[in-house]
Amino acid sequence: MNKRLMNICIAIVCMVAISFASQAVAMSHGVSVEISPASGAPETALKISGKGFAAGEEVDILFILEEGMKIGLGTEKVEAIVADAAGVFTANSAIPRMAKPGQYKIEIIGNKGSQTSMTLEVTVKK
């Protein structure tokens, strides 16, 4: 590969990485979920949005604190998160208070078979 072409490829990869740097995005088989911001200290407010789910699908958003310990996200003040007729949902939540700094897996599971996962970074509380 010539040097110019390699520099163009590197520039494209950098632009793609920068475009995703401010938000966590997970996609699986047409399902996509975004959590914004992609990182924060415990108790940081989160906006969670998803699309590509089945109409009326109930969605569980689980923060995996440690093996065997899952905390539901996005259910504050609502009994369930349900995708609308277009397969879209939004929910507000926060990073759990007891989360220590590090990377955590987030599982998004619908009751009609939709699912995906992503990571969320917890930072030091200032």
N, C-alpha and C. Protein backbone atom coordinates (compact mmCIF):
# COMPACT_ATOMS: atom_id res chain seq x y z
N MET A 1 0.87 -1.17 0.00
CA MET A 1 0.00 0.00 0.00
C MET A 1 0.91 1.23 0.00
N ASN A 2 0.61 2.21 -0.88
CA ASN A 2 1.47 3.37 -0.90
C ASN A 2 1.20 4.27 0.30
N LYS A 3 2.14 5.12 0.58
CA LYS A 3 2.10 5.95 1.79
C LYS A 3 0.90 6.89 1.80
N ARG A 4 0.55 7.47 0.68
CA ARG A 4 -0.58 8.39 0.62
C ARG A 4 -1.89 7.67 0.94
N LEU A 5 -2.10 6.50 0.36
CA LEU A 5 -3.30 5.73 0.61
C LEU A 5 -3.38 5.32 2.07
N MET A 6 -2.25 4.94 2.66
CA MET A 6 -2.23 4.57 4.07
C MET A 6 -2.61 5.77 4.94
N ASN A 7 -2.11 6.96 4.63
CA ASN A 7 -2.47 8.16 5.39
C ASN A 7 -3.95 8.48 5.28
N ILE A 8 -4.53 8.29 4.12
CA ILE A 8 -5.97 8.51 3.94
C ILE A 8 -6.75 7.52 4.79
N CYS A 9 -6.35 6.25 4.79
CA CYS A 9 -7.03 5.25 5.62
C CYS A 9 -6.93 5.59 7.10
N ILE A 10 -5.78 5.99 7.54
CA ILE A 10 -5.59 6.38 8.95
C ILE A 10 -6.49 7.56 9.29
N ALA A 11 -6.58 8.54 8.42
CA ALA A 11 -7.43 9.71 8.66
C ALA A 11 -8.90 9.31 8.77
N ILE A 12 -9.35 8.39 7.92
CA ILE A 12 -10.74 7.94 7.98
C ILE A 12 -11.01 7.21 9.28
N VAL A 13 -10.12 6.32 9.68
CA VAL A 13 -10.29 5.60 10.95
C VAL A 13 -10.35 6.58 12.11
N CYS A 14 -9.50 7.58 12.12
CA CYS A 14 -9.51 8.59 13.20
C CYS A 14 -10.83 9.36 13.23
N MET A 15 -11.36 9.73 12.06
CA MET A 15 -12.62 10.46 12.03
C MET A 15 -13.76 9.61 12.57
N VAL A 16 -13.79 8.34 12.21
CA VAL A 16 -14.84 7.45 12.70
C VAL A 16 -14.72 7.30 14.22
N ALA A 17 -13.51 7.12 14.73
CA ALA A 17 -13.32 6.98 16.17
C ALA A 17 -13.75 8.23 16.91
N ILE A 18 -13.43 9.39 16.38
CA ILE A 18 -13.82 10.65 17.02
C ILE A 18 -15.34 10.81 17.03
N SER A 19 -16.01 10.39 15.97
CA SER A 19 -17.46 10.57 15.91
C SER A 19 -18.17 9.75 16.96
N PHE A 20 -17.57 8.65 17.44
CA PHE A 20 -18.19 7.82 18.47
C PHE A 20 -17.64 8.11 19.86
N ALA A 21 -16.68 8.98 19.99
CA ALA A 21 -16.03 9.21 21.28
C ALA A 21 -16.96 9.79 22.33
N SER A 22 -17.96 10.55 21.95
CA SER A 22 -18.81 11.23 22.94
C SER A 22 -20.04 10.43 23.33
N GLN A 23 -20.23 9.25 22.79
CA GLN A 23 -21.42 8.48 23.13
C GLN A 23 -21.15 6.99 23.00
N ALA A 24 -21.78 6.23 23.87
CA ALA A 24 -21.66 4.78 23.78
C ALA A 24 -22.79 4.28 22.88
N VAL A 25 -22.45 3.44 21.94
CA VAL A 25 -23.44 2.93 21.00
C VAL A 25 -23.27 1.42 20.89
N ALA A 26 -24.38 0.69 20.96
CA ALA A 26 -24.36 -0.76 20.76
C ALA A 26 -25.34 -1.11 19.66
N MET A 27 -24.92 -2.01 18.74
CA MET A 27 -25.80 -2.42 17.67
C MET A 27 -25.72 -3.93 17.51
N SER A 28 -26.85 -4.56 17.29
CA SER A 28 -26.89 -5.99 17.07
C SER A 28 -28.15 -6.35 16.28
N HIS A 29 -27.97 -6.88 15.08
CA HIS A 29 -29.08 -7.34 14.24
C HIS A 29 -30.18 -6.29 14.10
N GLY A 30 -29.82 -5.08 13.74
CA GLY A 30 -30.81 -4.03 13.53
C GLY A 30 -31.21 -3.28 14.78
N VAL A 31 -30.84 -3.80 15.94
CA VAL A 31 -31.13 -3.14 17.21
C VAL A 31 -29.95 -2.23 17.54
N SER A 32 -30.22 -0.99 17.91
CA SER A 32 -29.14 -0.12 18.36
C SER A 32 -29.58 0.63 19.61
N VAL A 33 -28.63 0.82 20.50
CA VAL A 33 -28.87 1.53 21.75
C VAL A 33 -27.75 2.54 21.96
N GLU A 34 -28.11 3.69 22.44
CA GLU A 34 -27.13 4.74 22.73
C GLU A 34 -27.32 5.17 24.18
N ILE A 35 -26.21 5.28 24.90
CA ILE A 35 -26.22 5.82 26.26
C ILE A 35 -25.35 7.06 26.25
N SER A 36 -25.91 8.15 26.72
CA SER A 36 -25.18 9.41 26.73
C SER A 36 -25.29 10.06 28.10
N PRO A 37 -24.17 10.45 28.68
CA PRO A 37 -22.81 10.34 28.17
C PRO A 37 -22.31 8.90 28.25
N ALA A 38 -21.21 8.61 27.54
CA ALA A 38 -20.63 7.26 27.50
C ALA A 38 -19.82 6.93 28.74
N SER A 39 -19.56 7.93 29.57
CA SER A 39 -18.82 7.70 30.80
C SER A 39 -19.21 8.78 31.80
N GLY A 40 -18.93 8.49 33.06
CA GLY A 40 -19.22 9.47 34.10
C GLY A 40 -19.03 8.86 35.47
N ALA A 41 -19.05 9.70 36.47
CA ALA A 41 -18.92 9.28 37.86
C ALA A 41 -20.23 8.67 38.35
N PRO A 42 -20.19 7.93 39.46
CA PRO A 42 -21.44 7.43 40.03
C PRO A 42 -22.45 8.56 40.21
N GLU A 43 -23.70 8.26 39.96
CA GLU A 43 -24.85 9.17 40.05
C GLU A 43 -24.95 10.14 38.87
N THR A 44 -24.09 10.00 37.85
CA THR A 44 -24.20 10.82 36.65
C THR A 44 -25.49 10.45 35.92
N ALA A 45 -26.27 11.46 35.53
CA ALA A 45 -27.51 11.23 34.79
C ALA A 45 -27.20 10.66 33.41
N LEU A 46 -28.01 9.69 32.98
CA LEU A 46 -27.85 9.04 31.68
C LEU A 46 -29.13 9.15 30.88
N LYS A 47 -28.99 9.37 29.58
CA LYS A 47 -30.12 9.27 28.67
C LYS A 47 -29.88 8.03 27.82
N ILE A 48 -30.84 7.13 27.82
CA ILE A 48 -30.72 5.86 27.10
C ILE A 48 -31.78 5.84 26.01
N SER A 49 -31.36 5.59 24.78
CA SER A 49 -32.34 5.52 23.69
C SER A 49 -32.02 4.32 22.81
N GLY A 50 -33.06 3.72 22.28
CA GLY A 50 -32.88 2.55 21.45
C GLY A 50 -33.82 2.55 20.27
N LYS A 51 -33.45 1.82 19.23
CA LYS A 51 -34.31 1.66 18.06
C LYS A 51 -34.06 0.29 17.46
N GLY A 52 -35.00 -0.15 16.63
CA GLY A 52 -34.88 -1.44 15.99
C GLY A 52 -35.52 -2.58 16.79
N PHE A 53 -36.22 -2.24 17.86
CA PHE A 53 -36.91 -3.24 18.67
C PHE A 53 -38.27 -3.53 18.06
N ALA A 54 -38.90 -4.60 18.49
CA ALA A 54 -40.25 -4.92 18.03
C ALA A 54 -41.23 -3.93 18.66
N ALA A 55 -42.30 -3.62 17.95
CA ALA A 55 -43.34 -2.74 18.49
C ALA A 55 -43.88 -3.34 19.78
N GLY A 56 -43.95 -2.53 20.82
CA GLY A 56 -44.49 -2.98 22.11
C GLY A 56 -43.55 -3.86 22.92
N GLU A 57 -42.32 -4.03 22.47
CA GLU A 57 -41.37 -4.89 23.19
C GLU A 57 -40.93 -4.24 24.50
N GLU A 58 -41.02 -4.99 25.59
CA GLU A 58 -40.52 -4.52 26.88
C GLU A 58 -39.02 -4.75 26.91
N VAL A 59 -38.29 -3.74 27.37
CA VAL A 59 -36.83 -3.77 27.32
C VAL A 59 -36.26 -3.64 28.73
N ASP A 60 -35.35 -4.55 29.07
CA ASP A 60 -34.60 -4.47 30.32
C ASP A 60 -33.20 -3.98 29.99
N ILE A 61 -32.71 -3.01 30.76
CA ILE A 61 -31.36 -2.49 30.61
C ILE A 61 -30.64 -2.79 31.91
N LEU A 62 -29.64 -3.67 31.83
CA LEU A 62 -28.99 -4.17 33.02
C LEU A 62 -27.53 -3.75 33.10
N PHE A 63 -27.17 -3.12 34.21
CA PHE A 63 -25.80 -2.72 34.51
C PHE A 63 -25.19 -3.88 35.29
N ILE A 64 -24.15 -4.52 34.75
CA ILE A 64 -23.53 -5.67 35.41
C ILE A 64 -22.47 -5.14 36.37
N LEU A 65 -22.84 -5.04 37.65
CA LEU A 65 -21.93 -4.48 38.66
C LEU A 65 -20.78 -5.44 38.94
N GLU A 66 -21.09 -6.71 39.08
CA GLU A 66 -20.10 -7.77 39.24
C GLU A 66 -20.80 -9.07 38.88
N GLU A 67 -20.05 -10.14 38.79
CA GLU A 67 -20.65 -11.42 38.42
C GLU A 67 -21.83 -11.75 39.33
N GLY A 68 -23.00 -11.93 38.74
CA GLY A 68 -24.18 -12.28 39.51
C GLY A 68 -24.94 -11.10 40.10
N MET A 69 -24.43 -9.87 39.94
CA MET A 69 -25.11 -8.70 40.49
C MET A 69 -25.45 -7.73 39.35
N LYS A 70 -26.74 -7.67 39.02
CA LYS A 70 -27.21 -6.82 37.93
C LYS A 70 -28.15 -5.77 38.50
N ILE A 71 -28.01 -4.54 38.01
CA ILE A 71 -28.85 -3.43 38.45
C ILE A 71 -29.60 -2.92 37.23
N GLY A 72 -30.92 -2.79 37.34
CA GLY A 72 -31.72 -2.28 36.24
C GLY A 72 -31.52 -0.79 36.04
N LEU A 73 -31.34 -0.38 34.80
CA LEU A 73 -31.23 1.04 34.47
C LEU A 73 -32.47 1.46 33.69
N GLY A 74 -32.80 2.73 33.78
CA GLY A 74 -33.86 3.28 32.94
C GLY A 74 -35.26 3.08 33.44
N THR A 75 -35.43 2.51 34.62
CA THR A 75 -36.78 2.25 35.10
C THR A 75 -37.21 3.23 36.19
N GLU A 76 -36.44 4.29 36.37
CA GLU A 76 -36.81 5.30 37.36
C GLU A 76 -38.15 5.93 36.98
N LYS A 77 -39.12 5.86 37.87
CA LYS A 77 -40.45 6.47 37.72
C LYS A 77 -41.31 5.82 36.65
N VAL A 78 -40.89 4.68 36.11
CA VAL A 78 -41.74 3.92 35.18
C VAL A 78 -41.66 2.45 35.57
N GLU A 79 -42.74 1.73 35.32
CA GLU A 79 -42.75 0.31 35.66
C GLU A 79 -41.99 -0.52 34.64
N ALA A 80 -42.01 -0.10 33.39
CA ALA A 80 -41.32 -0.86 32.33
C ALA A 80 -40.95 0.08 31.20
N ILE A 81 -39.89 -0.27 30.50
CA ILE A 81 -39.51 0.45 29.29
C ILE A 81 -40.12 -0.33 28.13
N VAL A 82 -40.92 0.35 27.31
CA VAL A 82 -41.62 -0.31 26.21
C VAL A 82 -41.34 0.45 24.91
N ALA A 83 -40.91 -0.29 23.89
CA ALA A 83 -40.69 0.33 22.59
C ALA A 83 -42.03 0.72 21.98
N ASP A 84 -42.05 1.85 21.31
CA ASP A 84 -43.29 2.32 20.69
C ASP A 84 -43.58 1.54 19.40
N ALA A 85 -44.57 1.97 18.64
CA ALA A 85 -44.98 1.27 17.42
C ALA A 85 -43.85 1.22 16.38
N ALA A 86 -42.93 2.18 16.44
CA ALA A 86 -41.79 2.21 15.51
C ALA A 86 -40.58 1.45 16.05
N GLY A 87 -40.70 0.85 17.26
CA GLY A 87 -39.59 0.10 17.85
C GLY A 87 -38.56 0.96 18.55
N VAL A 88 -38.97 2.16 18.96
CA VAL A 88 -38.07 3.13 19.58
C VAL A 88 -38.43 3.30 21.05
N PHE A 89 -37.42 3.52 21.90
CA PHE A 89 -37.67 3.86 23.30
C PHE A 89 -36.63 4.87 23.77
N THR A 90 -36.98 5.61 24.81
CA THR A 90 -36.03 6.46 25.53
C THR A 90 -36.29 6.29 27.01
N ALA A 91 -35.24 6.43 27.79
CA ALA A 91 -35.35 6.31 29.24
C ALA A 91 -34.25 7.14 29.89
N ASN A 92 -34.54 7.61 31.08
CA ASN A 92 -33.55 8.34 31.86
C ASN A 92 -33.15 7.49 33.05
N SER A 93 -31.89 7.56 33.41
CA SER A 93 -31.38 6.79 34.54
C SER A 93 -30.14 7.49 35.06
N ALA A 94 -29.34 6.76 35.82
CA ALA A 94 -28.08 7.28 36.35
C ALA A 94 -27.13 6.12 36.59
N ILE A 95 -25.85 6.43 36.60
CA ILE A 95 -24.85 5.42 36.95
C ILE A 95 -25.05 5.07 38.42
N PRO A 96 -25.10 3.78 38.75
CA PRO A 96 -25.32 3.37 40.14
C PRO A 96 -24.30 3.98 41.11
N ARG A 97 -24.79 4.38 42.25
CA ARG A 97 -23.98 5.02 43.28
C ARG A 97 -22.82 4.13 43.73
N MET A 98 -23.03 2.82 43.80
CA MET A 98 -22.01 1.92 44.32
C MET A 98 -20.98 1.46 43.30
N ALA A 99 -21.09 1.92 42.05
CA ALA A 99 -20.14 1.52 41.01
C ALA A 99 -18.78 2.17 41.25
N LYS A 100 -17.75 1.34 41.22
CA LYS A 100 -16.37 1.81 41.35
C LYS A 100 -15.85 2.17 39.96
N PRO A 101 -14.81 2.99 39.86
CA PRO A 101 -14.25 3.32 38.55
C PRO A 101 -13.85 2.07 37.77
N GLY A 102 -14.15 2.08 36.48
CA GLY A 102 -13.81 0.96 35.61
C GLY A 102 -14.81 0.81 34.48
N GLN A 103 -14.63 -0.23 33.68
CA GLN A 103 -15.52 -0.54 32.56
C GLN A 103 -16.57 -1.55 33.01
N TYR A 104 -17.82 -1.31 32.66
CA TYR A 104 -18.92 -2.19 33.04
C TYR A 104 -19.71 -2.59 31.81
N LYS A 105 -20.17 -3.84 31.80
CA LYS A 105 -21.00 -4.34 30.72
C LYS A 105 -22.44 -3.91 30.97
N ILE A 106 -23.11 -3.48 29.92
CA ILE A 106 -24.52 -3.14 29.95
C ILE A 106 -25.22 -4.11 29.00
N GLU A 107 -26.21 -4.85 29.50
CA GLU A 107 -26.98 -5.77 28.67
C GLU A 107 -28.35 -5.16 28.41
N ILE A 108 -28.78 -5.18 27.16
CA ILE A 108 -30.09 -4.67 26.77
C ILE A 108 -30.85 -5.86 26.18
N ILE A 109 -31.94 -6.25 26.85
CA ILE A 109 -32.66 -7.47 26.48
C ILE A 109 -34.15 -7.17 26.35
N GLY A 110 -34.69 -7.47 25.18
CA GLY A 110 -36.13 -7.31 24.96
C GLY A 110 -36.87 -8.62 25.16
N ASN A 111 -38.14 -8.52 25.53
CA ASN A 111 -38.92 -9.73 25.79
C ASN A 111 -39.42 -10.42 24.52
N LYS A 112 -39.10 -9.85 23.35
CA LYS A 112 -39.48 -10.48 22.08
C LYS A 112 -38.25 -10.91 21.29
N GLY A 113 -37.11 -11.04 21.99
CA GLY A 113 -35.91 -11.58 21.36
C GLY A 113 -34.83 -10.58 20.98
N SER A 114 -35.11 -9.29 21.02
CA SER A 114 -34.08 -8.31 20.69
C SER A 114 -33.07 -8.25 21.84
N GLN A 115 -31.79 -8.16 21.49
CA GLN A 115 -30.80 -8.00 22.54
C GLN A 115 -29.49 -7.47 21.98
N THR A 116 -28.74 -6.82 22.84
CA THR A 116 -27.41 -6.33 22.51
C THR A 116 -26.70 -6.04 23.83
N SER A 117 -25.44 -5.69 23.75
CA SER A 117 -24.69 -5.31 24.94
C SER A 117 -23.67 -4.24 24.57
N MET A 118 -23.15 -3.57 25.56
CA MET A 118 -22.18 -2.51 25.36
C MET A 118 -21.41 -2.31 26.65
N THR A 119 -20.46 -1.41 26.65
CA THR A 119 -19.76 -1.08 27.89
C THR A 119 -19.97 0.38 28.22
N LEU A 120 -19.85 0.67 29.50
CA LEU A 120 -19.99 2.03 30.02
C LEU A 120 -18.84 2.22 30.99
N GLU A 121 -18.15 3.33 30.89
CA GLU A 121 -17.03 3.61 31.78
C GLU A 121 -17.47 4.46 32.96
N VAL A 122 -17.14 3.99 34.15
CA VAL A 122 -17.40 4.76 35.37
C VAL A 122 -16.08 5.41 35.76
N THR A 123 -16.13 6.70 35.99
CA THR A 123 -14.94 7.47 36.36
C THR A 123 -14.96 7.83 37.83
N VAL A 124 -13.88 8.39 38.31
CA VAL A 124 -13.77 8.80 39.70
C VAL A 124 -14.68 9.98 39.97
N LYS A 125 -15.41 9.93 41.07
CA LYS A 125 -16.29 11.02 41.45
C LYS A 125 -15.45 12.17 41.98
N LYS A 126 -15.70 13.35 41.48
CA LYS A 126 -14.92 14.53 41.90
C LYS A 126 -15.57 15.26 43.04
